[in-house]
Amino acid sequence: MYLPSLLPLLSLAAASPVVHLNEVGSLDAAMKSLGKKYWGVATDKPLLLNSNNSLITQNYFGQVTPQNSMKWDVTEASPNTFNFANSDNFVSWASEHNKLIRGHNLLWHAQLPNWVGTLNKEALTQAMMNHITTVVSHYKGQVYAWDVLYEVLDQEGNLDPNKPFAKTIGPTFVPLAFAAARKADPDTKLYITEYDMDGPESKKALGMARLVRGWLEAGVEIDGIGTEAHLNAGKASGVAGALEVLASSGVEEVAIAELDIVESAKHAEEYVAVAKACIEQAKCVGITSWGVRDVDSWRPMKNPLLFDGQYKPKAVYNAVYNYLREEARTRAHG
């Protein structure tokens, strides 16, 4: 998912009062108390330079996903000339604050430099393999999981033949991409992540499970499936079923990778339903909120996140946190 530069907002945001850290508990700690790996958040250098945003990310979230700094147009704007300045800054911050990192992303049809679209099959294959190898090797041992493939399906749940890697290389780009990532870092988790997989009858969810099952049977090393979960009101009830479909593919883990829900303040029960879906799915390792504050969201007019523009946690945050803590207490007492 693309998020625009937020530098123009920083001077205004920096003057906003930050939430008192003792007012609310950590979603990440609550998730971990239930055996999950994280509740994470999407962020990046411009936001982390903002002391309020940085402080909230430090204290309430346990995993960070870079919004833009690891994408192809940033890391390799010119052929075989790599620039890791922004992503190194991101990784350094995450390491300093003991956060897991989800690498985002290696192959996507958007935010590609123009030169990639000029390549023929052989040249694009070489460029793809080189890009994956160089980026993943650069962060070997530092990234918990990589979105190797991102938004590569069509609405029917098939590889989209009109997107650049499938169009130019063909379906073999899939095993090639995962093989390159695995060779570059044998220990990182390798994901395929997609949007519109929000219910058990979703064509994309069913298609994803079918495709991944086939790739796994063919020996492709895919560790996880991420579902973005950019939800409209009324859609959260389908997430549990969707996770079950995705988990049935045979992957080791699944994750909710980019959660936001339209008008979140009015739909606390939907956020709770998504949290419950992950908690009750054994293969679900965690949830990532796609931003801290509504104004920093990719759809700011929809108010889809857990903190308001003044860095105050909404009631929906407390509802989710209270659900997680109550669930932990219930399990602790049998």
C-alpha atoms as a PDB file:
ATOM      1  CA  MET A   1       0.000   0.000   0.000  1.00  0.00           C
ATOM      2  CA  TYR A   2       1.284   3.457  -0.922  1.00  0.00           C
ATOM      3  CA  LEU A   3       1.473   6.222   1.652  1.00  0.00           C
ATOM      4  CA  PRO A   4       2.492   9.717   0.549  1.00  0.00           C
ATOM      5  CA  SER A   5       5.293  11.681   2.131  1.00  0.00           C
ATOM      6  CA  LEU A   6       4.178  13.211   5.409  1.00  0.00           C
ATOM      7  CA  LEU A   7       6.980  15.738   5.830  1.00  0.00           C
ATOM      8  CA  PRO A   8       4.631  18.735   5.400  1.00  0.00           C
ATOM      9  CA  LEU A   9       2.672  17.539   8.422  1.00  0.00           C
ATOM     10  CA  LEU A  10       5.584  17.093  10.770  1.00  0.00           C
ATOM     11  CA  SER A  11       5.854  20.644  12.048  1.00  0.00           C
ATOM     12  CA  LEU A  12       2.184  20.672  12.930  1.00  0.00           C
ATOM     13  CA  ALA A  13       2.182  17.169  14.347  1.00  0.00           C
ATOM     14  CA  ALA A  14       5.173  17.824  16.569  1.00  0.00           C
ATOM     15  CA  ALA A  15       3.182  20.424  18.489  1.00  0.00           C
ATOM     16  CA  SER A  16       0.391  17.974  19.282  1.00  0.00           C
ATOM     17  CA  PRO A  17       0.279  16.607  22.831  1.00  0.00           C
ATOM     18  CA  VAL A  18       1.277  12.982  23.110  1.00  0.00           C
ATOM     19  CA  VAL A  19      -0.839  10.510  25.019  1.00  0.00           C
ATOM     20  CA  HIS A  20       0.329   9.839  28.563  1.00  0.00           C
ATOM     21  CA  LEU A  21       1.934   6.439  28.383  1.00  0.00           C
ATOM     22  CA  ASN A  22       0.212   5.179  31.512  1.00  0.00           C
ATOM     23  CA  GLU A  23      -3.272   5.795  30.106  1.00  0.00           C
ATOM     24  CA  VAL A  24      -3.474   2.657  27.988  1.00  0.00           C
ATOM     25  CA  GLY A  25      -1.814  -0.731  27.808  1.00  0.00           C
ATOM     26  CA  SER A  26       0.270  -2.088  24.970  1.00  0.00           C
ATOM     27  CA  LEU A  27      -1.550  -4.022  22.267  1.00  0.00           C
ATOM     28  CA  ASP A  28       1.712  -5.763  21.486  1.00  0.00           C
ATOM     29  CA  ALA A  29       2.161  -6.976  25.058  1.00  0.00           C
ATOM     30  CA  ALA A  30      -1.441  -8.130  25.151  1.00  0.00           C
ATOM     31  CA  MET A  31      -1.001 -10.103  21.917  1.00  0.00           C
ATOM     32  CA  LYS A  32       2.182 -11.709  23.202  1.00  0.00           C
ATOM     33  CA  SER A  33       0.409 -12.741  26.409  1.00  0.00           C
ATOM     34  CA  LEU A  34      -1.821 -14.843  24.155  1.00  0.00           C
ATOM     35  CA  GLY A  35       1.061 -16.510  22.354  1.00  0.00           C
ATOM     36  CA  LYS A  36       1.203 -14.276  19.275  1.00  0.00           C
ATOM     37  CA  LYS A  37       4.360 -12.633  17.939  1.00  0.00           C
ATOM     38  CA  TYR A  38       3.236  -9.024  17.654  1.00  0.00           C
ATOM     39  CA  TRP A  39       0.764  -6.251  17.133  1.00  0.00           C
ATOM     40  CA  GLY A  40       2.683  -4.048  14.726  1.00  0.00           C
ATOM     41  CA  VAL A  41       2.319  -0.770  12.877  1.00  0.00           C
ATOM     42  CA  ALA A  42       3.269   0.689   9.513  1.00  0.00           C
ATOM     43  CA  THR A  43       5.623   3.641   9.800  1.00  0.00           C
ATOM     44  CA  ASP A  44       8.742   5.087   8.185  1.00  0.00           C
ATOM     45  CA  LYS A  45      11.466   7.705   8.594  1.00  0.00           C
ATOM     46  CA  PRO A  46       9.246  10.841   8.304  1.00  0.00           C
ATOM     47  CA  LEU A  47       6.924   9.557  11.009  1.00  0.00           C
ATOM     48  CA  LEU A  48       9.703   8.257  13.231  1.00  0.00           C
ATOM     49  CA  LEU A  49      11.274  11.731  13.206  1.00  0.00           C
ATOM     50  CA  ASN A  50       8.103  12.909  14.918  1.00  0.00           C
ATOM     51  CA  SER A  51       8.663  12.377  18.646  1.00  0.00           C
ATOM     52  CA  ASN A  52       5.000  11.720  19.398  1.00  0.00           C
ATOM     53  CA  ASN A  53       4.585   9.115  16.677  1.00  0.00           C
ATOM     54  CA  SER A  54       7.895   7.513  17.584  1.00  0.00           C
ATOM     55  CA  LEU A  55       7.003   7.334  21.272  1.00  0.00           C
ATOM     56  CA  ILE A  56       3.668   5.636  20.586  1.00  0.00           C
ATOM     57  CA  THR A  57       5.310   3.167  18.220  1.00  0.00           C
ATOM     58  CA  GLN A  58       7.956   2.369  20.826  1.00  0.00           C
ATOM     59  CA  ASN A  59       5.487   1.739  23.625  1.00  0.00           C
ATOM     60  CA  TYR A  60       2.419   0.141  22.053  1.00  0.00           C
ATOM     61  CA  PHE A  61       3.609  -1.797  19.006  1.00  0.00           C
ATOM     62  CA  GLY A  62       6.137  -4.615  18.705  1.00  0.00           C
ATOM     63  CA  GLN A  63       6.724  -4.839  14.974  1.00  0.00           C
ATOM     64  CA  VAL A  64       7.252  -2.186  12.329  1.00  0.00           C
ATOM     65  CA  THR A  65       6.604  -2.292   8.584  1.00  0.00           C
ATOM     66  CA  PRO A  66       8.187   0.374   6.354  1.00  0.00           C
ATOM     67  CA  GLN A  67       5.602   2.203   4.280  1.00  0.00           C
ATOM     68  CA  ASN A  68       7.890   3.199   1.417  1.00  0.00           C
ATOM     69  CA  SER A  69      11.604   3.025   2.190  1.00  0.00           C
ATOM     70  CA  MET A  70      12.157  -0.586   1.095  1.00  0.00           C
ATOM     71  CA  LYS A  71      10.222  -0.400  -2.177  1.00  0.00           C
ATOM     72  CA  TRP A  72      11.966  -0.776  -5.522  1.00  0.00           C
ATOM     73  CA  ASP A  73      11.675   2.872  -6.608  1.00  0.00           C
ATOM     74  CA  VAL A  74      13.497   3.918  -3.439  1.00  0.00           C
ATOM     75  CA  THR A  75      16.126   1.204  -3.133  1.00  0.00           C
ATOM     76  CA  GLU A  76      17.019   0.823  -6.845  1.00  0.00           C
ATOM     77  CA  ALA A  77      15.874   3.853  -8.795  1.00  0.00           C
ATOM     78  CA  SER A  78      18.561   3.219 -11.430  1.00  0.00           C
ATOM     79  CA  PRO A  79      19.675  -0.207 -12.673  1.00  0.00           C
ATOM     80  CA  ASN A  80      21.943  -1.969 -10.204  1.00  0.00           C
ATOM     81  CA  THR A  81      22.527   1.252  -8.252  1.00  0.00           C
ATOM     82  CA  PHE A  82      21.209   0.693  -4.748  1.00  0.00           C
ATOM     83  CA  ASN A  83      20.413   3.302  -2.127  1.00  0.00           C
ATOM     84  CA  PHE A  84      19.642   2.014   1.352  1.00  0.00           C
ATOM     85  CA  ALA A  85      19.875   5.325   3.216  1.00  0.00           C
ATOM     86  CA  ASN A  86      16.185   5.544   4.177  1.00  0.00           C
ATOM     87  CA  SER A  87      15.709   1.842   4.804  1.00  0.00           C
ATOM     88  CA  ASP A  88      18.933   1.654   6.845  1.00  0.00           C
ATOM     89  CA  ASN A  89      17.584   4.478   9.007  1.00  0.00           C
ATOM     90  CA  PHE A  90      14.360   2.537   9.484  1.00  0.00           C
ATOM     91  CA  VAL A  91      16.126  -0.722  10.348  1.00  0.00           C
ATOM     92  CA  SER A  92      18.482   1.066  12.737  1.00  0.00           C
ATOM     93  CA  TRP A  93      15.518   2.595  14.597  1.00  0.00           C
ATOM     94  CA  ALA A  94      13.778  -0.776  14.799  1.00  0.00           C
ATOM     95  CA  SER A  95      16.908  -2.503  16.074  1.00  0.00           C
ATOM     96  CA  GLU A  96      17.535   0.204  18.653  1.00  0.00           C
ATOM     97  CA  HIS A  97      14.006  -0.213  19.998  1.00  0.00           C
ATOM     98  CA  ASN A  98      13.887  -4.009  19.777  1.00  0.00           C
ATOM     99  CA  LYS A  99      11.142  -4.216  17.158  1.00  0.00           C
ATOM    100  CA  LEU A 100      10.498  -7.019  14.713  1.00  0.00           C
ATOM    101  CA  ILE A 101      10.601  -5.912  11.077  1.00  0.00           C
ATOM    102  CA  ARG A 102       8.361  -6.964   8.208  1.00  0.00           C
ATOM    103  CA  GLY A 103      10.189  -6.143   4.979  1.00  0.00           C
ATOM    104  CA  HIS A 104       7.800  -4.445   2.565  1.00  0.00           C
ATOM    105  CA  ASN A 105       8.055  -5.186  -0.323  1.00  0.00           C
ATOM    106  CA  LEU A 106      10.208  -6.883  -2.941  1.00  0.00           C
ATOM    107  CA  LEU A 107       7.928  -7.250  -5.982  1.00  0.00           C
ATOM    108  CA  TRP A 108       4.917  -5.012  -6.593  1.00  0.00           C
ATOM    109  CA  HIS A 109       3.428  -3.654  -9.797  1.00  0.00           C
ATOM    110  CA  ALA A 110       3.382  -0.111  -8.377  1.00  0.00           C
ATOM    111  CA  GLN A 111       6.232   2.162  -7.313  1.00  0.00           C
ATOM    112  CA  LEU A 112       8.531   0.593  -9.873  1.00  0.00           C
ATOM    113  CA  PRO A 113      11.098   2.857 -11.550  1.00  0.00           C
ATOM    114  CA  ASN A 114      10.371   3.446 -15.223  1.00  0.00           C
ATOM    115  CA  TRP A 115      13.387   1.496 -16.417  1.00  0.00           C
ATOM    116  CA  VAL A 116      11.936  -1.775 -15.109  1.00  0.00           C
ATOM    117  CA  GLY A 117       9.030  -1.516 -17.559  1.00  0.00           C
ATOM    118  CA  THR A 118      11.373  -1.318 -20.548  1.00  0.00           C
ATOM    119  CA  LEU A 119      13.003  -4.719 -19.999  1.00  0.00           C
ATOM    120  CA  ASN A 120      12.389  -7.889 -21.997  1.00  0.00           C
ATOM    121  CA  LYS A 121      11.869 -11.279 -20.382  1.00  0.00           C
ATOM    122  CA  GLU A 122      15.518 -12.183 -19.943  1.00  0.00           C
ATOM    123  CA  ALA A 123      16.539  -8.751 -18.708  1.00  0.00           C
ATOM    124  CA  LEU A 124      13.605  -8.436 -16.313  1.00  0.00           C
ATOM    125  CA  THR A 125      14.294 -11.877 -14.886  1.00  0.00           C
ATOM    126  CA  GLN A 126      17.906 -10.911 -14.239  1.00  0.00           C
ATOM    127  CA  ALA A 127      16.916  -7.560 -12.755  1.00  0.00           C
ATOM    128  CA  MET A 128      14.288  -9.163 -10.526  1.00  0.00           C
ATOM    129  CA  MET A 129      16.705 -11.781  -9.200  1.00  0.00           C
ATOM    130  CA  ASN A 130      19.404  -9.174  -8.634  1.00  0.00           C
ATOM    131  CA  HIS A 131      17.031  -6.817  -6.856  1.00  0.00           C
ATOM    132  CA  ILE A 132      15.717  -9.482  -4.494  1.00  0.00           C
ATOM    133  CA  THR A 133      19.166 -10.905  -3.805  1.00  0.00           C
ATOM    134  CA  THR A 134      20.735  -7.527  -3.116  1.00  0.00           C
ATOM    135  CA  VAL A 135      17.972  -6.146  -0.895  1.00  0.00           C
ATOM    136  CA  VAL A 136      17.398  -9.299   1.152  1.00  0.00           C
ATOM    137  CA  SER A 137      21.147  -9.923   1.534  1.00  0.00           C
ATOM    138  CA  HIS A 138      21.655  -6.350   2.727  1.00  0.00           C
ATOM    139  CA  TYR A 139      19.292  -7.029   5.651  1.00  0.00           C
ATOM    140  CA  LYS A 140      20.127 -10.689   6.222  1.00  0.00           C
ATOM    141  CA  GLY A 141      19.355 -11.691   9.781  1.00  0.00           C
ATOM    142  CA  GLN A 142      17.582  -8.410  10.570  1.00  0.00           C
ATOM    143  CA  VAL A 143      14.131  -8.850   9.009  1.00  0.00           C
ATOM    144  CA  TYR A 144      11.564 -11.203  10.509  1.00  0.00           C
ATOM    145  CA  ALA A 145       9.550 -11.575   7.299  1.00  0.00           C
ATOM    146  CA  TRP A 146       9.503 -10.244   3.721  1.00  0.00           C
ATOM    147  CA  ASP A 147       6.556  -9.515   1.469  1.00  0.00           C
ATOM    148  CA  VAL A 148       8.225 -11.215  -1.492  1.00  0.00           C
ATOM    149  CA  LEU A 149       5.152 -10.941  -3.723  1.00  0.00           C
ATOM    150  CA  TYR A 150       2.613  -8.188  -3.167  1.00  0.00           C
ATOM    151  CA  GLU A 151      -0.757  -7.804  -4.887  1.00  0.00           C
ATOM    152  CA  VAL A 152      -0.057 -10.190  -7.774  1.00  0.00           C
ATOM    153  CA  LEU A 153      -3.564 -11.697  -8.093  1.00  0.00           C
ATOM    154  CA  ASP A 154      -6.557 -10.574 -10.121  1.00  0.00           C
ATOM    155  CA  GLN A 155     -10.077 -10.362  -8.702  1.00  0.00           C
ATOM    156  CA  GLU A 156     -10.789 -13.966  -9.721  1.00  0.00           C
ATOM    157  CA  GLY A 157      -7.939 -15.273  -7.585  1.00  0.00           C
ATOM    158  CA  ASN A 158      -5.491 -16.026 -10.394  1.00  0.00           C
ATOM    159  CA  LEU A 159      -2.096 -14.567 -11.158  1.00  0.00           C
ATOM    160  CA  ASP A 160      -2.897 -11.291 -12.888  1.00  0.00           C
ATOM    161  CA  PRO A 161      -1.463 -11.623 -16.419  1.00  0.00           C
ATOM    162  CA  ASN A 162      -1.506  -7.844 -16.884  1.00  0.00           C
ATOM    163  CA  LYS A 163       0.867  -7.052 -14.033  1.00  0.00           C
ATOM    164  CA  PRO A 164       4.472  -6.572 -15.098  1.00  0.00           C
ATOM    165  CA  PHE A 165       6.284  -9.623 -13.748  1.00  0.00           C
ATOM    166  CA  ALA A 166       3.622 -12.116 -14.813  1.00  0.00           C
ATOM    167  CA  LYS A 167       3.134 -10.331 -18.137  1.00  0.00           C
ATOM    168  CA  THR A 168       6.800 -10.245 -19.128  1.00  0.00           C
ATOM    169  CA  ILE A 169       8.275 -13.299 -17.402  1.00  0.00           C
ATOM    170  CA  GLY A 170       5.231 -15.518 -17.000  1.00  0.00           C
ATOM    171  CA  PRO A 171       4.234 -17.609 -13.957  1.00  0.00           C
ATOM    172  CA  THR A 172       7.797 -18.829 -13.397  1.00  0.00           C
ATOM    173  CA  PHE A 173       8.564 -15.494 -11.763  1.00  0.00           C
ATOM    174  CA  VAL A 174       6.924 -16.848  -8.610  1.00  0.00           C
ATOM    175  CA  PRO A 175       9.299 -19.745  -7.826  1.00  0.00           C
ATOM    176  CA  LEU A 176      12.256 -17.700  -9.052  1.00  0.00           C
ATOM    177  CA  ALA A 177      11.438 -14.842  -6.677  1.00  0.00           C
ATOM    178  CA  PHE A 178      10.996 -17.052  -3.630  1.00  0.00           C
ATOM    179  CA  ALA A 179      14.135 -19.037  -4.439  1.00  0.00           C
ATOM    180  CA  ALA A 180      16.191 -15.851  -4.664  1.00  0.00           C
ATOM    181  CA  ALA A 181      14.839 -14.561  -1.351  1.00  0.00           C
ATOM    182  CA  ARG A 182      15.419 -17.874   0.390  1.00  0.00           C
ATOM    183  CA  LYS A 183      18.996 -18.109  -0.856  1.00  0.00           C
ATOM    184  CA  ALA A 184      19.706 -14.556   0.268  1.00  0.00           C
ATOM    185  CA  ASP A 185      18.401 -15.174   3.798  1.00  0.00           C
ATOM    186  CA  PRO A 186      17.631 -18.774   4.775  1.00  0.00           C
ATOM    187  CA  ASP A 187      16.067 -17.764   8.097  1.00  0.00           C
ATOM    188  CA  THR A 188      13.626 -14.998   7.200  1.00  0.00           C
ATOM    189  CA  LYS A 189       9.925 -15.751   6.654  1.00  0.00           C
ATOM    190  CA  LEU A 190       8.787 -15.387   3.049  1.00  0.00           C
ATOM    191  CA  TYR A 191       5.270 -14.067   2.399  1.00  0.00           C
ATOM    192  CA  ILE A 192       2.838 -13.470  -0.389  1.00  0.00           C
ATOM    193  CA  THR A 193       0.420 -10.676   0.573  1.00  0.00           C
ATOM    194  CA  GLU A 194      -2.819  -9.573  -1.071  1.00  0.00           C
ATOM    195  CA  TYR A 195      -5.877  -7.365  -0.575  1.00  0.00           C
ATOM    196  CA  ASP A 196      -9.596  -8.205  -0.858  1.00  0.00           C
ATOM    197  CA  MET A 197      -9.269 -11.539   0.937  1.00  0.00           C
ATOM    198  CA  ASP A 198     -11.762 -10.607   3.612  1.00  0.00           C
ATOM    199  CA  GLY A 199     -14.168 -13.541   3.738  1.00  0.00           C
ATOM    200  CA  PRO A 200     -14.245 -17.322   3.290  1.00  0.00           C
ATOM    201  CA  GLU A 201     -16.101 -16.989  -0.020  1.00  0.00           C
ATOM    202  CA  SER A 202     -13.706 -14.390  -1.400  1.00  0.00           C
ATOM    203  CA  LYS A 203     -12.473 -15.446  -4.836  1.00  0.00           C
ATOM    204  CA  LYS A 204      -9.091 -14.013  -3.999  1.00  0.00           C
ATOM    205  CA  ALA A 205      -8.795 -15.914  -0.716  1.00  0.00           C
ATOM    206  CA  LEU A 206      -9.864 -19.173  -2.329  1.00  0.00           C
ATOM    207  CA  GLY A 207      -7.581 -18.562  -5.299  1.00  0.00           C
ATOM    208  CA  MET A 208      -4.658 -17.664  -3.051  1.00  0.00           C
ATOM    209  CA  ALA A 209      -5.060 -20.864  -1.055  1.00  0.00           C
ATOM    210  CA  ARG A 210      -5.251 -22.928  -4.246  1.00  0.00           C
ATOM    211  CA  LEU A 211      -2.204 -21.292  -5.824  1.00  0.00           C
ATOM    212  CA  VAL A 212      -0.067 -21.452  -2.694  1.00  0.00           C
ATOM    213  CA  ARG A 213      -0.988 -25.077  -2.130  1.00  0.00           C
ATOM    214  CA  GLY A 214       0.195 -25.858  -5.642  1.00  0.00           C
ATOM    215  CA  TRP A 215       3.408 -23.880  -5.252  1.00  0.00           C
ATOM    216  CA  LEU A 216       4.185 -25.593  -1.964  1.00  0.00           C
ATOM    217  CA  GLU A 217       3.597 -29.003  -3.533  1.00  0.00           C
ATOM    218  CA  ALA A 218       6.016 -27.977  -6.288  1.00  0.00           C
ATOM    219  CA  GLY A 219       8.685 -27.172  -3.715  1.00  0.00           C
ATOM    220  CA  VAL A 220       8.398 -23.375  -3.620  1.00  0.00           C
ATOM    221  CA  GLU A 221       9.354 -22.155  -0.152  1.00  0.00           C
ATOM    222  CA  ILE A 222       6.512 -19.900   0.946  1.00  0.00           C
ATOM    223  CA  ASP A 223       6.238 -19.474   4.702  1.00  0.00           C
ATOM    224  CA  GLY A 224       3.240 -17.215   5.057  1.00  0.00           C
ATOM    225  CA  ILE A 225       0.266 -15.442   3.546  1.00  0.00           C
ATOM    226  CA  GLY A 226      -0.598 -11.887   4.515  1.00  0.00           C
ATOM    227  CA  THR A 227      -4.076 -10.463   4.134  1.00  0.00           C
ATOM    228  CA  GLU A 228      -4.135  -6.674   4.044  1.00  0.00           C
ATOM    229  CA  ALA A 229      -7.559  -6.236   5.674  1.00  0.00           C
ATOM    230  CA  HIS A 230      -8.416  -2.699   4.600  1.00  0.00           C
ATOM    231  CA  LEU A 231     -11.998  -3.130   5.738  1.00  0.00           C
ATOM    232  CA  ASN A 232     -15.228  -1.270   5.253  1.00  0.00           C
ATOM    233  CA  ALA A 233     -17.871  -1.393   7.955  1.00  0.00           C
ATOM    234  CA  GLY A 234     -19.582  -4.759   8.187  1.00  0.00           C
ATOM    235  CA  LYS A 235     -16.707  -6.779   6.741  1.00  0.00           C
ATOM    236  CA  ALA A 236     -14.852  -7.834   9.887  1.00  0.00           C
ATOM    237  CA  SER A 237     -17.100 -10.842  10.456  1.00  0.00           C
ATOM    238  CA  GLY A 238     -15.570 -12.564   7.439  1.00  0.00           C
ATOM    239  CA  VAL A 239     -11.955 -12.323   8.559  1.00  0.00           C
ATOM    240  CA  ALA A 240     -11.944 -15.468  10.707  1.00  0.00           C
ATOM    241  CA  GLY A 241     -13.225 -17.561   7.817  1.00  0.00           C
ATOM    242  CA  ALA A 242     -10.745 -15.968   5.436  1.00  0.00           C
ATOM    243  CA  LEU A 243      -7.851 -16.791   7.748  1.00  0.00           C
ATOM    244  CA  GLU A 244      -9.034 -20.386   7.916  1.00  0.00           C
ATOM    245  CA  VAL A 245      -9.051 -20.595   4.115  1.00  0.00           C
ATOM    246  CA  LEU A 246      -5.564 -19.112   3.864  1.00  0.00           C
ATOM    247  CA  ALA A 247      -4.204 -21.339   6.625  1.00  0.00           C
ATOM    248  CA  SER A 248      -5.574 -24.399   4.816  1.00  0.00           C
ATOM    249  CA  SER A 249      -3.083 -23.793   1.997  1.00  0.00           C
ATOM    250  CA  GLY A 250      -0.373 -25.444   4.037  1.00  0.00           C
ATOM    251  CA  VAL A 251       1.712 -22.382   4.917  1.00  0.00           C
ATOM    252  CA  GLU A 252       3.410 -22.199   8.282  1.00  0.00           C
ATOM    253  CA  GLU A 253       1.790 -18.904   9.229  1.00  0.00           C
ATOM    254  CA  VAL A 254      -0.697 -16.219   8.236  1.00  0.00           C
ATOM    255  CA  ALA A 255      -0.897 -12.576   9.274  1.00  0.00           C
ATOM    256  CA  ILE A 256      -3.195  -9.571   9.094  1.00  0.00           C
ATOM    257  CA  ALA A 257      -0.765  -7.238   7.389  1.00  0.00           C
ATOM    258  CA  GLU A 258      -2.350  -3.779   6.977  1.00  0.00           C
ATOM    259  CA  LEU A 259      -5.412  -3.487   9.190  1.00  0.00           C
ATOM    260  CA  ASP A 260      -7.660  -0.462   9.126  1.00  0.00           C
ATOM    261  CA  ILE A 261     -11.445  -0.191   9.359  1.00  0.00           C
ATOM    262  CA  VAL A 262     -13.515   2.720   8.030  1.00  0.00           C
ATOM    263  CA  GLU A 263     -14.830   5.000  10.800  1.00  0.00           C
ATOM    264  CA  SER A 264     -13.163   2.895  13.453  1.00  0.00           C
ATOM    265  CA  ALA A 265     -14.587   4.935  16.326  1.00  0.00           C
ATOM    266  CA  LYS A 266     -18.079   3.768  15.360  1.00  0.00           C
ATOM    267  CA  HIS A 267     -17.112   0.134  14.935  1.00  0.00           C
ATOM    268  CA  ALA A 268     -15.126  -1.011  17.952  1.00  0.00           C
ATOM    269  CA  GLU A 269     -16.817  -4.396  17.743  1.00  0.00           C
ATOM    270  CA  GLU A 270     -15.335  -4.899  14.279  1.00  0.00           C
ATOM    271  CA  TYR A 271     -11.799  -4.248  15.442  1.00  0.00           C
ATOM    272  CA  VAL A 272     -12.418  -6.687  18.289  1.00  0.00           C
ATOM    273  CA  ALA A 273     -13.730  -9.255  15.802  1.00  0.00           C
ATOM    274  CA  VAL A 274     -10.528  -9.007  13.756  1.00  0.00           C
ATOM    275  CA  ALA A 275      -8.375  -9.363  16.868  1.00  0.00           C
ATOM    276  CA  LYS A 276     -10.423 -12.379  17.906  1.00  0.00           C
ATOM    277  CA  ALA A 277     -10.052 -13.924  14.460  1.00  0.00           C
ATOM    278  CA  CYS A 278      -6.274 -13.805  14.754  1.00  0.00           C
ATOM    279  CA  ILE A 279      -6.228 -14.997  18.348  1.00  0.00           C
ATOM    280  CA  GLU A 280      -8.382 -18.018  17.519  1.00  0.00           C
ATOM    281  CA  GLN A 281      -6.438 -18.976  14.372  1.00  0.00           C
ATOM    282  CA  ALA A 282      -3.415 -21.000  15.451  1.00  0.00           C
ATOM    283  CA  LYS A 283      -1.377 -19.994  12.397  1.00  0.00           C
ATOM    284  CA  CYS A 284      -2.033 -16.255  12.746  1.00  0.00           C
ATOM    285  CA  VAL A 285       1.152 -14.726  14.145  1.00  0.00           C
ATOM    286  CA  GLY A 286       0.010 -11.137  14.463  1.00  0.00           C
ATOM    287  CA  ILE A 287      -1.728  -8.000  13.263  1.00  0.00           C
ATOM    288  CA  THR A 288      -0.249  -4.840  11.761  1.00  0.00           C
ATOM    289  CA  SER A 289      -2.168  -1.560  11.932  1.00  0.00           C
ATOM    290  CA  TRP A 290      -1.590   0.489   8.779  1.00  0.00           C
ATOM    291  CA  GLY A 291      -0.551   3.614  10.652  1.00  0.00           C
ATOM    292  CA  VAL A 292      -0.897   5.214  14.077  1.00  0.00           C
ATOM    293  CA  ARG A 293      -3.170   8.251  13.557  1.00  0.00           C
ATOM    294  CA  ASP A 294      -6.078   8.800  11.206  1.00  0.00           C
ATOM    295  CA  VAL A 295      -4.386  11.810   9.612  1.00  0.00           C
ATOM    296  CA  ASP A 296      -1.394   9.654   8.688  1.00  0.00           C
ATOM    297  CA  SER A 297      -3.546   6.970   7.044  1.00  0.00           C
ATOM    298  CA  TRP A 298      -3.569   6.317   3.298  1.00  0.00           C
ATOM    299  CA  ARG A 299      -7.317   7.082   3.544  1.00  0.00           C
ATOM    300  CA  PRO A 300      -7.388   9.844   6.185  1.00  0.00           C
ATOM    301  CA  MET A 301     -10.952  10.975   5.516  1.00  0.00           C
ATOM    302  CA  LYS A 302     -12.194   7.508   6.527  1.00  0.00           C
ATOM    303  CA  ASN A 303     -10.785   7.738  10.094  1.00  0.00           C
ATOM    304  CA  PRO A 304      -9.773   4.069  10.110  1.00  0.00           C
ATOM    305  CA  LEU A 305      -7.042   3.845  12.765  1.00  0.00           C
ATOM    306  CA  LEU A 306      -6.693   3.482  16.528  1.00  0.00           C
ATOM    307  CA  PHE A 307      -5.384   6.953  17.467  1.00  0.00           C
ATOM    308  CA  ASP A 308      -6.912  10.320  16.670  1.00  0.00           C
ATOM    309  CA  GLY A 309      -5.108  13.354  15.273  1.00  0.00           C
ATOM    310  CA  GLN A 310      -3.962  14.427  18.746  1.00  0.00           C
ATOM    311  CA  TYR A 311      -2.285  11.061  19.405  1.00  0.00           C
ATOM    312  CA  LYS A 312      -5.028  10.036  21.794  1.00  0.00           C
ATOM    313  CA  PRO A 313      -6.140   6.411  21.742  1.00  0.00           C
ATOM    314  CA  LYS A 314      -9.742   6.071  20.657  1.00  0.00           C
ATOM    315  CA  ALA A 315     -12.258   4.019  22.619  1.00  0.00           C
ATOM    316  CA  VAL A 316     -11.789   1.350  19.950  1.00  0.00           C
ATOM    317  CA  TYR A 317      -8.168   0.934  21.074  1.00  0.00           C
ATOM    318  CA  ASN A 318      -9.310   0.321  24.616  1.00  0.00           C
ATOM    319  CA  ALA A 319     -11.987  -2.095  23.424  1.00  0.00           C
ATOM    320  CA  VAL A 320      -9.409  -4.203  21.609  1.00  0.00           C
ATOM    321  CA  TYR A 321      -6.948  -4.049  24.484  1.00  0.00           C
ATOM    322  CA  ASN A 322      -9.625  -5.003  27.017  1.00  0.00           C
ATOM    323  CA  TYR A 323     -10.723  -7.946  24.872  1.00  0.00           C
ATOM    324  CA  LEU A 324      -7.144  -9.229  24.657  1.00  0.00           C
ATOM    325  CA  ARG A 325      -6.510  -8.860  28.393  1.00  0.00           C
ATOM    326  CA  GLU A 326      -9.802 -10.509  29.308  1.00  0.00           C
ATOM    327  CA  GLU A 327      -9.050 -13.371  26.941  1.00  0.00           C
ATOM    328  CA  ALA A 328      -5.649 -13.803  28.563  1.00  0.00           C
ATOM    329  CA  ARG A 329      -7.201 -13.852  32.041  1.00  0.00           C
ATOM    330  CA  THR A 330      -9.809 -16.388  30.948  1.00  0.00           C
ATOM    331  CA  ARG A 331      -7.179 -18.706  29.514  1.00  0.00           C
ATOM    332  CA  ALA A 332      -4.952 -18.317  32.558  1.00  0.00           C
ATOM    333  CA  HIS A 333      -7.786 -19.522  34.796  1.00  0.00           C
ATOM    334  CA  GLY A 334      -8.729 -22.431  32.567  1.00  0.00           C
END
